[in-house]
């Protein structure tokens, strides 16, 4: 399990707070759990970007299942646990977890995009 790309790096970042300037900050939580059908990679994680007053404005996690968009029938399908929250009120959309390395690439790229949009306003 630990030979999967990025696992050791992600686990070493557990409980880290990373300043992004302008009052924005990132919180990373990641720890190993037993593999299950819902968490086949054996990692529980939450990566989130917060605005200066602490409200989460972007998040990638697997803390709960999310239903596919209403336009898709989900009867008989397994609900996604890996997902992302694209804004404050987003209840989550499925995220295709490949490995911990790709998770971090995707998250930090989206953090950069969100912060750039906020700076342009």
PDB file of N, CA and C in Angstrom:
ATOM      1  N   UNK A   1       0.829  -1.204   0.000  1.00  0.00           N
ATOM      2  CA  UNK A   1       0.000   0.000   0.000  1.00  0.00           C
ATOM      3  C   UNK A   1       0.863   1.253   0.000  1.00  0.00           C
ATOM      4  N   UNK A   2       1.879   1.299   0.837  1.00  0.00           N
ATOM      5  CA  UNK A   2       2.688   2.509   0.986  1.00  0.00           C
ATOM      6  C   UNK A   2       3.532   2.790  -0.243  1.00  0.00           C
ATOM      7  N   UNK A   3       3.583   1.862  -1.222  1.00  0.00           N
ATOM      8  CA  UNK A   3       4.364   2.114  -2.415  1.00  0.00           C
ATOM      9  C   UNK A   3       3.564   2.878  -3.472  1.00  0.00           C
ATOM     10  N   UNK A   4       2.295   3.183  -3.200  1.00  0.00           N
ATOM     11  CA  UNK A   4       1.502   3.970  -4.131  1.00  0.00           C
ATOM     12  C   UNK A   4       2.049   5.399  -4.172  1.00  0.00           C
ATOM     13  N   UNK A   5       2.030   6.029  -5.353  1.00  0.00           N
ATOM     14  CA  UNK A   5       2.609   7.372  -5.491  1.00  0.00           C
ATOM     15  C   UNK A   5       2.005   8.410  -4.539  1.00  0.00           C
ATOM     16  N   UNK A   6       2.884   9.054  -3.774  1.00  0.00           N
ATOM     17  CA  UNK A   6       2.471  10.170  -2.938  1.00  0.00           C
ATOM     18  C   UNK A   6       1.920   9.844  -1.575  1.00  0.00           C
ATOM     19  N   UNK A   7       1.738   8.575  -1.246  1.00  0.00           N
ATOM     20  CA  UNK A   7       1.131   8.202   0.041  1.00  0.00           C
ATOM     21  C   UNK A   7       1.946   8.756   1.213  1.00  0.00           C
ATOM     22  N   UNK A   8       3.246   8.502   1.219  1.00  0.00           N
ATOM     23  CA  UNK A   8       4.076   8.960   2.338  1.00  0.00           C
ATOM     24  C   UNK A   8       4.047  10.479   2.454  1.00  0.00           C
ATOM     25  N   UNK A   9       4.086  11.175   1.321  1.00  0.00           N
ATOM     26  CA  UNK A   9       4.049  12.637   1.341  1.00  0.00           C
ATOM     27  C   UNK A   9       2.731  13.131   1.920  1.00  0.00           C
ATOM     28  N   UNK A  10       1.624  12.584   1.433  1.00  0.00           N
ATOM     29  CA  UNK A  10       0.317  13.007   1.927  1.00  0.00           C
ATOM     30  C   UNK A  10       0.195  12.739   3.428  1.00  0.00           C
ATOM     31  N   UNK A  11       0.579  11.553   3.865  1.00  0.00           N
ATOM     32  CA  UNK A  11       0.487  11.217   5.288  1.00  0.00           C
ATOM     33  C   UNK A  11       1.386  12.117   6.138  1.00  0.00           C
ATOM     34  N   UNK A  12       2.537  12.525   5.604  1.00  0.00           N
ATOM     35  CA  UNK A  12       3.447  13.387   6.369  1.00  0.00           C
ATOM     36  C   UNK A  12       2.892  14.806   6.521  1.00  0.00           C
ATOM     37  N   UNK A  13       1.921  15.180   5.693  1.00  0.00           N
ATOM     38  CA  UNK A  13       1.323  16.515   5.762  1.00  0.00           C
ATOM     39  C   UNK A  13       0.129  16.583   6.723  1.00  0.00           C
ATOM     40  N   UNK A  14      -0.213  15.478   7.363  1.00  0.00           N
ATOM     41  CA  UNK A  14      -1.349  15.448   8.284  1.00  0.00           C
ATOM     42  C   UNK A  14      -1.237  16.559   9.326  1.00  0.00           C
ATOM     43  N   UNK A  15      -2.317  17.275   9.506  1.00  0.00           N
ATOM     44  CA  UNK A  15      -2.446  18.374  10.473  1.00  0.00           C
ATOM     45  C   UNK A  15      -1.641  19.627  10.113  1.00  0.00           C
ATOM     46  N   UNK A  16      -1.189  19.730   8.880  1.00  0.00           N
ATOM     47  CA  UNK A  16      -0.457  20.923   8.444  1.00  0.00           C
ATOM     48  C   UNK A  16      -1.430  22.042   8.072  1.00  0.00           C
ATOM     49  N   UNK A  17      -1.052  23.257   8.407  1.00  0.00           N
ATOM     50  CA  UNK A  17      -1.745  24.472   7.986  1.00  0.00           C
ATOM     51  C   UNK A  17      -0.751  25.230   7.119  1.00  0.00           C
ATOM     52  N   UNK A  18      -1.139  25.580   5.888  1.00  0.00           N
ATOM     53  CA  UNK A  18      -0.233  26.227   4.949  1.00  0.00           C
ATOM     54  C   UNK A  18      -0.793  27.594   4.574  1.00  0.00           C
ATOM     55  N   UNK A  19      -0.069  28.643   4.943  1.00  0.00           N
ATOM     56  CA  UNK A  19      -0.467  30.013   4.645  1.00  0.00           C
ATOM     57  C   UNK A  19      -0.398  30.266   3.147  1.00  0.00           C
ATOM     58  N   UNK A  20      -1.444  30.878   2.596  1.00  0.00           N
ATOM     59  CA  UNK A  20      -1.500  31.191   1.173  1.00  0.00           C
ATOM     60  C   UNK A  20      -1.430  32.694   0.906  1.00  0.00           C
ATOM     61  N   UNK A  21      -1.231  33.481   1.941  1.00  0.00           N
ATOM     62  CA  UNK A  21      -1.181  34.926   1.793  1.00  0.00           C
ATOM     63  C   UNK A  21      -2.583  35.515   1.766  1.00  0.00           C
ATOM     64  N   UNK A  22      -2.671  36.782   2.111  1.00  0.00           N
ATOM     65  CA  UNK A  22      -3.959  37.471   2.093  1.00  0.00           C
ATOM     66  C   UNK A  22      -4.973  36.923   3.072  1.00  0.00           C
ATOM     67  N   UNK A  23      -4.536  36.148   4.052  1.00  0.00           N
ATOM     68  CA  UNK A  23      -5.449  35.571   5.034  1.00  0.00           C
ATOM     69  C   UNK A  23      -5.981  34.200   4.645  1.00  0.00           C
ATOM     70  N   UNK A  24      -5.728  33.747   3.432  1.00  0.00           N
ATOM     71  CA  UNK A  24      -6.188  32.431   2.976  1.00  0.00           C
ATOM     72  C   UNK A  24      -5.226  31.364   3.466  1.00  0.00           C
ATOM     73  N   UNK A  25      -5.762  30.177   3.765  1.00  0.00           N
ATOM     74  CA  UNK A  25      -4.925  29.103   4.268  1.00  0.00           C
ATOM     75  C   UNK A  25      -5.490  27.738   3.895  1.00  0.00           C
ATOM     76  N   UNK A  26      -4.591  26.770   3.881  1.00  0.00           N
ATOM     77  CA  UNK A  26      -4.917  25.378   3.546  1.00  0.00           C
ATOM     78  C   UNK A  26      -4.749  24.536   4.803  1.00  0.00           C
ATOM     79  N   UNK A  27      -5.660  23.594   4.990  1.00  0.00           N
ATOM     80  CA  UNK A  27      -5.532  22.609   6.064  1.00  0.00           C
ATOM     81  C   UNK A  27      -5.520  21.229   5.421  1.00  0.00           C
ATOM     82  N   UNK A  28      -4.578  20.404   5.845  1.00  0.00           N
ATOM     83  CA  UNK A  28      -4.464  19.044   5.314  1.00  0.00           C
ATOM     84  C   UNK A  28      -4.591  18.052   6.462  1.00  0.00           C
ATOM     85  N   UNK A  29      -5.470  17.088   6.269  1.00  0.00           N
ATOM     86  CA  UNK A  29      -5.617  15.977   7.204  1.00  0.00           C
ATOM     87  C   UNK A  29      -5.571  14.696   6.374  1.00  0.00           C
ATOM     88  N   UNK A  30      -4.774  13.733   6.801  1.00  0.00           N
ATOM     89  CA  UNK A  30      -4.669  12.465   6.073  1.00  0.00           C
ATOM     90  C   UNK A  30      -4.121  11.389   7.003  1.00  0.00           C
ATOM     91  N   UNK A  31      -4.782  10.259   7.031  1.00  0.00           N
ATOM     92  CA  UNK A  31      -4.311   9.155   7.848  1.00  0.00           C
ATOM     93  C   UNK A  31      -4.750   7.845   7.214  1.00  0.00           C
ATOM     94  N   UNK A  32      -4.004   6.778   7.551  1.00  0.00           N
ATOM     95  CA  UNK A  32      -4.318   5.466   7.017  1.00  0.00           C
ATOM     96  C   UNK A  32      -5.473   4.844   7.777  1.00  0.00           C
ATOM     97  N   UNK A  33      -6.325   4.142   7.036  1.00  0.00           N
ATOM     98  CA  UNK A  33      -7.431   3.374   7.613  1.00  0.00           C
ATOM     99  C   UNK A  33      -7.443   2.022   6.905  1.00  0.00           C
ATOM    100  N   UNK A  34      -8.221   1.112   7.425  1.00  0.00           N
ATOM    101  CA  UNK A  34      -8.371  -0.174   6.745  1.00  0.00           C
ATOM    102  C   UNK A  34      -9.045   0.047   5.399  1.00  0.00           C
ATOM    103  N   UNK A  35      -8.634  -0.718   4.419  1.00  0.00           N
ATOM    104  CA  UNK A  35      -9.290  -0.651   3.107  1.00  0.00           C
ATOM    105  C   UNK A  35     -10.701  -1.227   3.223  1.00  0.00           C
ATOM    106  N   UNK A  36     -11.637  -0.540   2.598  1.00  0.00           N
ATOM    107  CA  UNK A  36     -13.026  -0.995   2.552  1.00  0.00           C
ATOM    108  C   UNK A  36     -13.526  -0.763   1.128  1.00  0.00           C
ATOM    109  N   UNK A  37     -14.714  -1.271   0.798  1.00  0.00           N
ATOM    110  CA  UNK A  37     -15.260  -0.964  -0.535  1.00  0.00           C
ATOM    111  C   UNK A  37     -15.439   0.544  -0.758  1.00  0.00           C
ATOM    112  N   UNK A  38     -15.719   1.300   0.312  1.00  0.00           N
ATOM    113  CA  UNK A  38     -15.897   2.742   0.188  1.00  0.00           C
ATOM    114  C   UNK A  38     -14.567   3.494   0.141  1.00  0.00           C
ATOM    115  N   UNK A  39     -13.541   2.933   0.760  1.00  0.00           N
ATOM    116  CA  UNK A  39     -12.218   3.571   0.797  1.00  0.00           C
ATOM    117  C   UNK A  39     -11.189   2.520   0.374  1.00  0.00           C
ATOM    118  N   UNK A  40     -11.177   2.162  -0.915  1.00  0.00           N
ATOM    119  CA  UNK A  40     -10.310   1.074  -1.381  1.00  0.00           C
ATOM    120  C   UNK A  40      -8.820   1.396  -1.309  1.00  0.00           C
ATOM    121  N   UNK A  41      -8.461   2.680  -1.257  1.00  0.00           N
ATOM    122  CA  UNK A  41      -7.054   3.073  -1.198  1.00  0.00           C
ATOM    123  C   UNK A  41      -6.532   3.136   0.234  1.00  0.00           C
ATOM    124  N   UNK A  42      -7.415   2.999   1.234  1.00  0.00           N
ATOM    125  CA  UNK A  42      -7.000   2.943   2.632  1.00  0.00           C
ATOM    126  C   UNK A  42      -6.504   4.257   3.214  1.00  0.00           C
ATOM    127  N   UNK A  43      -6.954   5.374   2.657  1.00  0.00           N
ATOM    128  CA  UNK A  43      -6.557   6.690   3.165  1.00  0.00           C
ATOM    129  C   UNK A  43      -7.816   7.502   3.430  1.00  0.00           C
ATOM    130  N   UNK A  44      -7.916   8.056   4.593  1.00  0.00           N
ATOM    131  CA  UNK A  44      -8.972   9.019   4.910  1.00  0.00           C
ATOM    132  C   UNK A  44      -8.303  10.376   4.807  1.00  0.00           C
ATOM    133  N   UNK A  45      -8.935  11.318   4.076  1.00  0.00           N
ATOM    134  CA  UNK A  45      -8.283  12.603   3.868  1.00  0.00           C
ATOM    135  C   UNK A  45      -9.281  13.747   3.774  1.00  0.00           C
ATOM    136  N   UNK A  46      -8.770  14.929   4.059  1.00  0.00           N
ATOM    137  CA  UNK A  46      -9.508  16.176   3.876  1.00  0.00           C
ATOM    138  C   UNK A  46      -8.470  17.254   3.581  1.00  0.00           C
ATOM    139  N   UNK A  47      -8.540  17.816   2.384  1.00  0.00           N
ATOM    140  CA  UNK A  47      -7.670  18.913   1.974  1.00  0.00           C
ATOM    141  C   UNK A  47      -8.587  20.092   1.716  1.00  0.00           C
ATOM    142  N   UNK A  48      -8.371  21.215   2.385  1.00  0.00           N
ATOM    143  CA  UNK A  48      -9.318  22.317   2.253  1.00  0.00           C
ATOM    144  C   UNK A  48      -8.617  23.668   2.213  1.00  0.00           C
ATOM    145  N   UNK A  49      -9.216  24.570   1.439  1.00  0.00           N
ATOM    146  CA  UNK A  49      -8.779  25.958   1.344  1.00  0.00           C
ATOM    147  C   UNK A  49      -9.801  26.798   2.090  1.00  0.00           C
ATOM    148  N   UNK A  50      -9.308  27.714   2.940  1.00  0.00           N
ATOM    149  CA  UNK A  50     -10.188  28.532   3.765  1.00  0.00           C
ATOM    150  C   UNK A  50      -9.953  30.009   3.499  1.00  0.00           C
ATOM    151  N   UNK A  51     -11.012  30.781   3.614  1.00  0.00           N
ATOM    152  CA  UNK A  51     -10.919  32.235   3.460  1.00  0.00           C
ATOM    153  C   UNK A  51     -10.497  32.848   4.795  1.00  0.00           C
ATOM    154  N   UNK A  52     -10.162  34.142   4.817  1.00  0.00           N
ATOM    155  CA  UNK A  52      -9.607  34.743   6.028  1.00  0.00           C
ATOM    156  C   UNK A  52     -10.434  34.563   7.310  1.00  0.00           C
ATOM    157  N   UNK A  53     -11.743  34.418   7.208  1.00  0.00           N
ATOM    158  CA  UNK A  53     -12.567  34.252   8.410  1.00  0.00           C
ATOM    159  C   UNK A  53     -12.787  32.787   8.772  1.00  0.00           C
ATOM    160  N   UNK A  54     -12.096  31.888   8.048  1.00  0.00           N
ATOM    161  CA  UNK A  54     -12.121  30.473   8.402  1.00  0.00           C
ATOM    162  C   UNK A  54     -13.075  29.602   7.614  1.00  0.00           C
ATOM    163  N   UNK A  55     -13.950  30.177   6.817  1.00  0.00           N
ATOM    164  CA  UNK A  55     -14.921  29.386   6.067  1.00  0.00           C
ATOM    165  C   UNK A  55     -14.223  28.621   4.941  1.00  0.00           C
ATOM    166  N   UNK A  56     -14.559  27.333   4.805  1.00  0.00           N
ATOM    167  CA  UNK A  56     -13.991  26.528   3.729  1.00  0.00           C
ATOM    168  C   UNK A  56     -14.571  26.989   2.394  1.00  0.00           C
ATOM    169  N   UNK A  57     -13.692  27.247   1.426  1.00  0.00           N
ATOM    170  CA  UNK A  57     -14.157  27.669   0.106  1.00  0.00           C
ATOM    171  C   UNK A  57     -13.813  26.643  -0.978  1.00  0.00           C
ATOM    172  N   UNK A  58     -13.023  25.634  -0.628  1.00  0.00           N
ATOM    173  CA  UNK A  58     -12.700  24.542  -1.544  1.00  0.00           C
ATOM    174  C   UNK A  58     -12.284  23.359  -0.696  1.00  0.00           C
ATOM    175  N   UNK A  59     -12.719  22.174  -1.059  1.00  0.00           N
ATOM    176  CA  UNK A  59     -12.307  21.005  -0.294  1.00  0.00           C
ATOM    177  C   UNK A  59     -12.331  19.730  -1.108  1.00  0.00           C
ATOM    178  N   UNK A  60     -11.373  18.877  -0.847  1.00  0.00           N
ATOM    179  CA  UNK A  60     -11.337  17.522  -1.396  1.00  0.00           C
ATOM    180  C   UNK A  60     -11.328  16.600  -0.186  1.00  0.00           C
ATOM    181  N   UNK A  61     -12.253  15.636  -0.140  1.00  0.00           N
ATOM    182  CA  UNK A  61     -12.272  14.727   1.008  1.00  0.00           C
ATOM    183  C   UNK A  61     -13.016  13.450   0.684  1.00  0.00           C
ATOM    184  N   UNK A  62     -13.012  12.552   1.652  1.00  0.00           N
ATOM    185  CA  UNK A  62     -13.793  11.321   1.544  1.00  0.00           C
ATOM    186  C   UNK A  62     -14.465  11.017   2.875  1.00  0.00           C
ATOM    187  N   UNK A  63     -14.991  12.074   3.485  1.00  0.00           N
ATOM    188  CA  UNK A  63     -15.631  11.952   4.794  1.00  0.00           C
ATOM    189  C   UNK A  63     -17.055  11.407   4.715  1.00  0.00           C
ATOM    190  N   UNK A  64     -17.699  11.554   3.583  1.00  0.00           N
ATOM    191  CA  UNK A  64     -19.084  11.085   3.434  1.00  0.00           C
ATOM    192  C   UNK A  64     -19.345  10.773   1.972  1.00  0.00           C
ATOM    193  N   UNK A  65     -20.376  10.003   1.718  1.00  0.00           N
ATOM    194  CA  UNK A  65     -20.748   9.686   0.339  1.00  0.00           C
ATOM    195  C   UNK A  65     -21.486  10.866  -0.273  1.00  0.00           C
ATOM    196  N   UNK A  66     -21.375  10.992  -1.586  1.00  0.00           N
ATOM    197  CA  UNK A  66     -22.136  12.011  -2.304  1.00  0.00           C
ATOM    198  C   UNK A  66     -22.942  11.328  -3.396  1.00  0.00           C
ATOM    199  N   UNK A  67     -24.140  11.827  -3.606  1.00  0.00           N
ATOM    200  CA  UNK A  67     -24.996  11.305  -4.658  1.00  0.00           C
ATOM    201  C   UNK A  67     -24.576  11.937  -5.980  1.00  0.00           C
ATOM    202  N   UNK A  68     -24.683  11.173  -7.077  1.00  0.00           N
ATOM    203  CA  UNK A  68     -24.420  11.773  -8.384  1.00  0.00           C
ATOM    204  C   UNK A  68     -25.457  12.862  -8.666  1.00  0.00           C
ATOM    205  N   UNK A  69     -25.188  13.746  -9.631  1.00  0.00           N
ATOM    206  CA  UNK A  69     -26.173  14.773  -9.963  1.00  0.00           C
ATOM    207  C   UNK A  69     -27.543  14.164 -10.245  1.00  0.00           C
ATOM    208  N   UNK A  70     -28.604  14.925  -9.958  1.00  0.00           N
ATOM    209  CA  UNK A  70     -29.972  14.411 -10.070  1.00  0.00           C
ATOM    210  C   UNK A  70     -30.309  13.890 -11.457  1.00  0.00           C
ATOM    211  N   UNK A  71     -29.646  14.405 -12.486  1.00  0.00           N
ATOM    212  CA  UNK A  71     -29.969  13.969 -13.844  1.00  0.00           C
ATOM    213  C   UNK A  71     -29.540  12.523 -14.100  1.00  0.00           C
ATOM    214  N   UNK A  72     -28.689  11.962 -13.218  1.00  0.00           N
ATOM    215  CA  UNK A  72     -28.265  10.579 -13.364  1.00  0.00           C
ATOM    216  C   UNK A  72     -29.002   9.713 -12.354  1.00  0.00           C
ATOM    217  N   UNK A  73     -29.440   8.551 -12.809  1.00  0.00           N
ATOM    218  CA  UNK A  73     -30.052   7.609 -11.877  1.00  0.00           C
ATOM    219  C   UNK A  73     -28.940   6.943 -11.093  1.00  0.00           C
ATOM    220  N   UNK A  74     -29.093   6.833  -9.781  1.00  0.00           N
ATOM    221  CA  UNK A  74     -28.044   6.209  -8.992  1.00  0.00           C
ATOM    222  C   UNK A  74     -28.529   4.961  -8.265  1.00  0.00           C
ATOM    223  N   UNK A  75     -29.747   4.536  -8.550  1.00  0.00           N
ATOM    224  CA  UNK A  75     -30.247   3.314  -7.932  1.00  0.00           C
ATOM    225  C   UNK A  75     -29.332   2.150  -8.315  1.00  0.00           C
ATOM    226  N   UNK A  76     -28.873   1.427  -7.330  1.00  0.00           N
ATOM    227  CA  UNK A  76     -28.022   0.278  -7.579  1.00  0.00           C
ATOM    228  C   UNK A  76     -26.555   0.619  -7.760  1.00  0.00           C
ATOM    229  N   UNK A  77     -26.204   1.888  -7.800  1.00  0.00           N
ATOM    230  CA  UNK A  77     -24.805   2.288  -7.934  1.00  0.00           C
ATOM    231  C   UNK A  77     -24.210   2.562  -6.558  1.00  0.00           C
ATOM    232  N   UNK A  78     -22.910   2.312  -6.446  1.00  0.00           N
ATOM    233  CA  UNK A  78     -22.216   2.676  -5.219  1.00  0.00           C
ATOM    234  C   UNK A  78     -22.007   4.184  -5.207  1.00  0.00           C
ATOM    235  N   UNK A  79     -22.296   4.823  -4.095  1.00  0.00           N
ATOM    236  CA  UNK A  79     -22.109   6.256  -3.997  1.00  0.00           C
ATOM    237  C   UNK A  79     -20.629   6.571  -3.816  1.00  0.00           C
ATOM    238  N   UNK A  80     -20.187   7.675  -4.412  1.00  0.00           N
ATOM    239  CA  UNK A  80     -18.784   8.072  -4.342  1.00  0.00           C
ATOM    240  C   UNK A  80     -18.453   8.620  -2.958  1.00  0.00           C
ATOM    241  N   UNK A  81     -17.337   8.182  -2.405  1.00  0.00           N
ATOM    242  CA  UNK A  81     -16.845   8.766  -1.158  1.00  0.00           C
ATOM    243  C   UNK A  81     -15.795   9.824  -1.460  1.00  0.00           C
ATOM    244  N   UNK A  82     -14.935   9.578  -2.440  1.00  0.00           N
ATOM    245  CA  UNK A  82     -13.958  10.584  -2.840  1.00  0.00           C
ATOM    246  C   UNK A  82     -14.706  11.660  -3.610  1.00  0.00           C
ATOM    247  N   UNK A  83     -14.590  12.898  -3.144  1.00  0.00           N
ATOM    248  CA  UNK A  83     -15.333  13.978  -3.785  1.00  0.00           C
ATOM    249  C   UNK A  83     -14.682  15.324  -3.499  1.00  0.00           C
ATOM    250  N   UNK A  84     -15.195  16.348  -4.163  1.00  0.00           N
ATOM    251  CA  UNK A  84     -14.699  17.694  -3.908  1.00  0.00           C
ATOM    252  C   UNK A  84     -15.870  18.639  -3.750  1.00  0.00           C
ATOM    253  N   UNK A  85     -15.634  19.672  -2.964  1.00  0.00           N
ATOM    254  CA  UNK A  85     -16.587  20.753  -2.740  1.00  0.00           C
ATOM    255  C   UNK A  85     -16.005  21.967  -3.453  1.00  0.00           C
ATOM    256  N   UNK A  86     -16.705  22.473  -4.462  1.00  0.00           N
ATOM    257  CA  UNK A  86     -16.158  23.521  -5.317  1.00  0.00           C
ATOM    258  C   UNK A  86     -16.399  24.930  -4.812  1.00  0.00           C
ATOM    259  N   UNK A  87     -17.238  25.089  -3.817  1.00  0.00           N
ATOM    260  CA  UNK A  87     -17.504  26.394  -3.219  1.00  0.00           C
ATOM    261  C   UNK A  87     -18.173  26.179  -1.873  1.00  0.00           C
ATOM    262  N   UNK A  88     -18.450  27.256  -1.179  1.00  0.00           N
ATOM    263  CA  UNK A  88     -18.950  27.199   0.199  1.00  0.00           C
ATOM    264  C   UNK A  88     -20.178  26.303   0.353  1.00  0.00           C
ATOM    265  N   UNK A  89     -21.152  26.432  -0.529  1.00  0.00           N
ATOM    266  CA  UNK A  89     -22.413  25.707  -0.349  1.00  0.00           C
ATOM    267  C   UNK A  89     -22.498  24.403  -1.150  1.00  0.00           C
ATOM    268  N   UNK A  90     -21.433  24.018  -1.836  1.00  0.00           N
ATOM    269  CA  UNK A  90     -21.426  22.786  -2.637  1.00  0.00           C
ATOM    270  C   UNK A  90     -21.444  21.571  -1.720  1.00  0.00           C
ATOM    271  N   UNK A  91     -22.414  20.686  -1.902  1.00  0.00           N
ATOM    272  CA  UNK A  91     -22.513  19.477  -1.083  1.00  0.00           C
ATOM    273  C   UNK A  91     -21.546  18.392  -1.555  1.00  0.00           C
ATOM    274  N   UNK A  92     -20.885  18.635  -2.677  1.00  0.00           N
ATOM    275  CA  UNK A  92     -19.869  17.710  -3.164  1.00  0.00           C
ATOM    276  C   UNK A  92     -20.227  17.070  -4.479  1.00  0.00           C
ATOM    277  N   UNK A  93     -19.202  16.887  -5.307  1.00  0.00           N
ATOM    278  CA  UNK A  93     -19.326  16.154  -6.561  1.00  0.00           C
ATOM    279  C   UNK A  93     -18.247  15.076  -6.558  1.00  0.00           C
ATOM    280  N   UNK A  94     -18.512  13.927  -7.180  1.00  0.00           N
ATOM    281  CA  UNK A  94     -17.525  12.849  -7.156  1.00  0.00           C
ATOM    282  C   UNK A  94     -16.163  13.285  -7.694  1.00  0.00           C
ATOM    283  N   UNK A  95     -15.124  12.759  -7.080  1.00  0.00           N
ATOM    284  CA  UNK A  95     -13.741  12.978  -7.515  1.00  0.00           C
ATOM    285  C   UNK A  95     -13.141  11.614  -7.808  1.00  0.00           C
ATOM    286  N   UNK A  96     -12.535  11.461  -8.954  1.00  0.00           N
ATOM    287  CA  UNK A  96     -11.934  10.183  -9.365  1.00  0.00           C
ATOM    288  C   UNK A  96     -10.543  10.058  -8.753  1.00  0.00           C
ATOM    289  N   UNK A  97     -10.454   9.401  -7.584  1.00  0.00           N
ATOM    290  CA  UNK A  97      -9.176   9.217  -6.893  1.00  0.00           C
ATOM    291  C   UNK A  97      -8.332   8.222  -7.671  1.00  0.00           C
ATOM    292  N   UNK A  98      -7.139   8.667  -8.100  1.00  0.00           N
ATOM    293  CA  UNK A  98      -6.195   7.763  -8.780  1.00  0.00           C
ATOM    294  C   UNK A  98      -5.115   7.303  -7.812  1.00  0.00           C
ATOM    295  N   UNK A  99      -4.483   8.274  -7.160  1.00  0.00           N
ATOM    296  CA  UNK A  99      -3.487   8.006  -6.133  1.00  0.00           C
ATOM    297  C   UNK A  99      -3.262   9.304  -5.363  1.00  0.00           C
ATOM    298  N   UNK A 100      -2.527   9.227  -4.258  1.00  0.00           N
ATOM    299  CA  UNK A 100      -2.328  10.399  -3.400  1.00  0.00           C
ATOM    300  C   UNK A 100      -1.559  11.503  -4.119  1.00  0.00           C
ATOM    301  N   UNK A 101      -0.613  11.135  -4.960  1.00  0.00           N
ATOM    302  CA  UNK A 101       0.162  12.121  -5.709  1.00  0.00           C
ATOM    303  C   UNK A 101      -0.758  12.941  -6.606  1.00  0.00           C
ATOM    304  N   UNK A 102      -1.620  12.280  -7.371  1.00  0.00           N
ATOM    305  CA  UNK A 102      -2.537  12.988  -8.261  1.00  0.00           C
ATOM    306  C   UNK A 102      -3.541  13.822  -7.471  1.00  0.00           C
ATOM    307  N   UNK A 103      -3.979  13.327  -6.321  1.00  0.00           N
ATOM    308  CA  UNK A 103      -4.882  14.086  -5.447  1.00  0.00           C
ATOM    309  C   UNK A 103      -4.254  15.430  -5.097  1.00  0.00           C
ATOM    310  N   UNK A 104      -2.988  15.406  -4.676  1.00  0.00           N
ATOM    311  CA  UNK A 104      -2.321  16.648  -4.298  1.00  0.00           C
ATOM    312  C   UNK A 104      -2.125  17.572  -5.498  1.00  0.00           C
ATOM    313  N   UNK A 105      -1.784  17.016  -6.651  1.00  0.00           N
ATOM    314  CA  UNK A 105      -1.644  17.829  -7.867  1.00  0.00           C
ATOM    315  C   UNK A 105      -2.969  18.510  -8.186  1.00  0.00           C
ATOM    316  N   UNK A 106      -4.054  17.741  -8.179  1.00  0.00           N
ATOM    317  CA  UNK A 106      -5.374  18.283  -8.513  1.00  0.00           C
ATOM    318  C   UNK A 106      -5.808  19.345  -7.507  1.00  0.00           C
ATOM    319  N   UNK A 107      -5.618  19.061  -6.226  1.00  0.00           N
ATOM    320  CA  UNK A 107      -6.036  20.009  -5.188  1.00  0.00           C
ATOM    321  C   UNK A 107      -5.262  21.320  -5.287  1.00  0.00           C
ATOM    322  N   UNK A 108      -3.937  21.245  -5.339  1.00  0.00           N
ATOM    323  CA  UNK A 108      -3.146  22.474  -5.366  1.00  0.00           C
ATOM    324  C   UNK A 108      -3.352  23.262  -6.665  1.00  0.00           C
ATOM    325  N   UNK A 109      -3.607  22.579  -7.773  1.00  0.00           N
ATOM    326  CA  UNK A 109      -3.917  23.290  -9.021  1.00  0.00           C
ATOM    327  C   UNK A 109      -5.233  24.054  -8.872  1.00  0.00           C
ATOM    328  N   UNK A 110      -6.213  23.439  -8.233  1.00  0.00           N
ATOM    329  CA  UNK A 110      -7.485  24.121  -8.037  1.00  0.00           C
ATOM    330  C   UNK A 110      -7.368  25.255  -7.020  1.00  0.00           C
ATOM    331  N   UNK A 111      -6.534  25.079  -5.994  1.00  0.00           N
ATOM    332  CA  UNK A 111      -6.265  26.172  -5.049  1.00  0.00           C
ATOM    333  C   UNK A 111      -5.694  27.362  -5.809  1.00  0.00           C
ATOM    334  N   UNK A 112      -4.709  27.115  -6.661  1.00  0.00           N
ATOM    335  CA  UNK A 112      -4.114  28.201  -7.448  1.00  0.00           C
ATOM    336  C   UNK A 112      -5.158  28.901  -8.302  1.00  0.00           C
ATOM    337  N   UNK A 113      -6.037  28.116  -8.929  1.00  0.00           N
ATOM    338  CA  UNK A 113      -7.082  28.689  -9.788  1.00  0.00           C
ATOM    339  C   UNK A 113      -8.041  29.554  -8.969  1.00  0.00           C
ATOM    340  N   UNK A 114      -8.498  29.049  -7.829  1.00  0.00           N
ATOM    341  CA  UNK A 114      -9.437  29.776  -6.976  1.00  0.00           C
ATOM    342  C   UNK A 114      -8.810  31.063  -6.465  1.00  0.00           C
ATOM    343  N   UNK A 115      -7.573  30.990  -5.979  1.00  0.00           N
ATOM    344  CA  UNK A 115      -6.910  32.183  -5.460  1.00  0.00           C
ATOM    345  C   UNK A 115      -6.674  33.215  -6.564  1.00  0.00           C
ATOM    346  N   UNK A 116      -6.342  32.763  -7.758  1.00  0.00           N
ATOM    347  CA  UNK A 116      -6.155  33.681  -8.883  1.00  0.00           C
ATOM    348  C   UNK A 116      -7.468  34.381  -9.203  1.00  0.00           C
ATOM    349  N   UNK A 117      -8.572  33.655  -9.227  1.00  0.00           N
ATOM    350  CA  UNK A 117      -9.890  34.263  -9.484  1.00  0.00           C
ATOM    351  C   UNK A 117     -10.225  35.297  -8.412  1.00  0.00           C
ATOM    352  N   UNK A 118      -9.917  34.980  -7.164  1.00  0.00           N
ATOM    353  CA  UNK A 118     -10.212  35.924  -6.074  1.00  0.00           C
ATOM    354  C   UNK A 118      -9.345  37.180  -6.189  1.00  0.00           C
ATOM    355  N   UNK A 119      -8.117  37.044  -6.607  1.00  0.00           N
ATOM    356  CA  UNK A 119      -7.237  38.205  -6.752  1.00  0.00           C
ATOM    357  C   UNK A 119      -7.656  39.110  -7.909  1.00  0.00           C
ATOM    358  N   UNK A 120      -8.295  38.503  -8.914  1.00  0.00           N
ATOM    359  CA  UNK A 120      -8.726  39.284 -10.088  1.00  0.00           C
ATOM    360  C   UNK A 120     -10.007  40.050  -9.829  1.00  0.00           C
ATOM    361  N   UNK A 121     -10.692  39.757  -8.766  1.00  0.00           N
ATOM    362  CA  UNK A 121     -11.966  40.439  -8.457  1.00  0.00           C
ATOM    363  C   UNK A 121     -11.723  41.816  -7.902  1.00  0.00           C
TER     364      UNK A 121
END
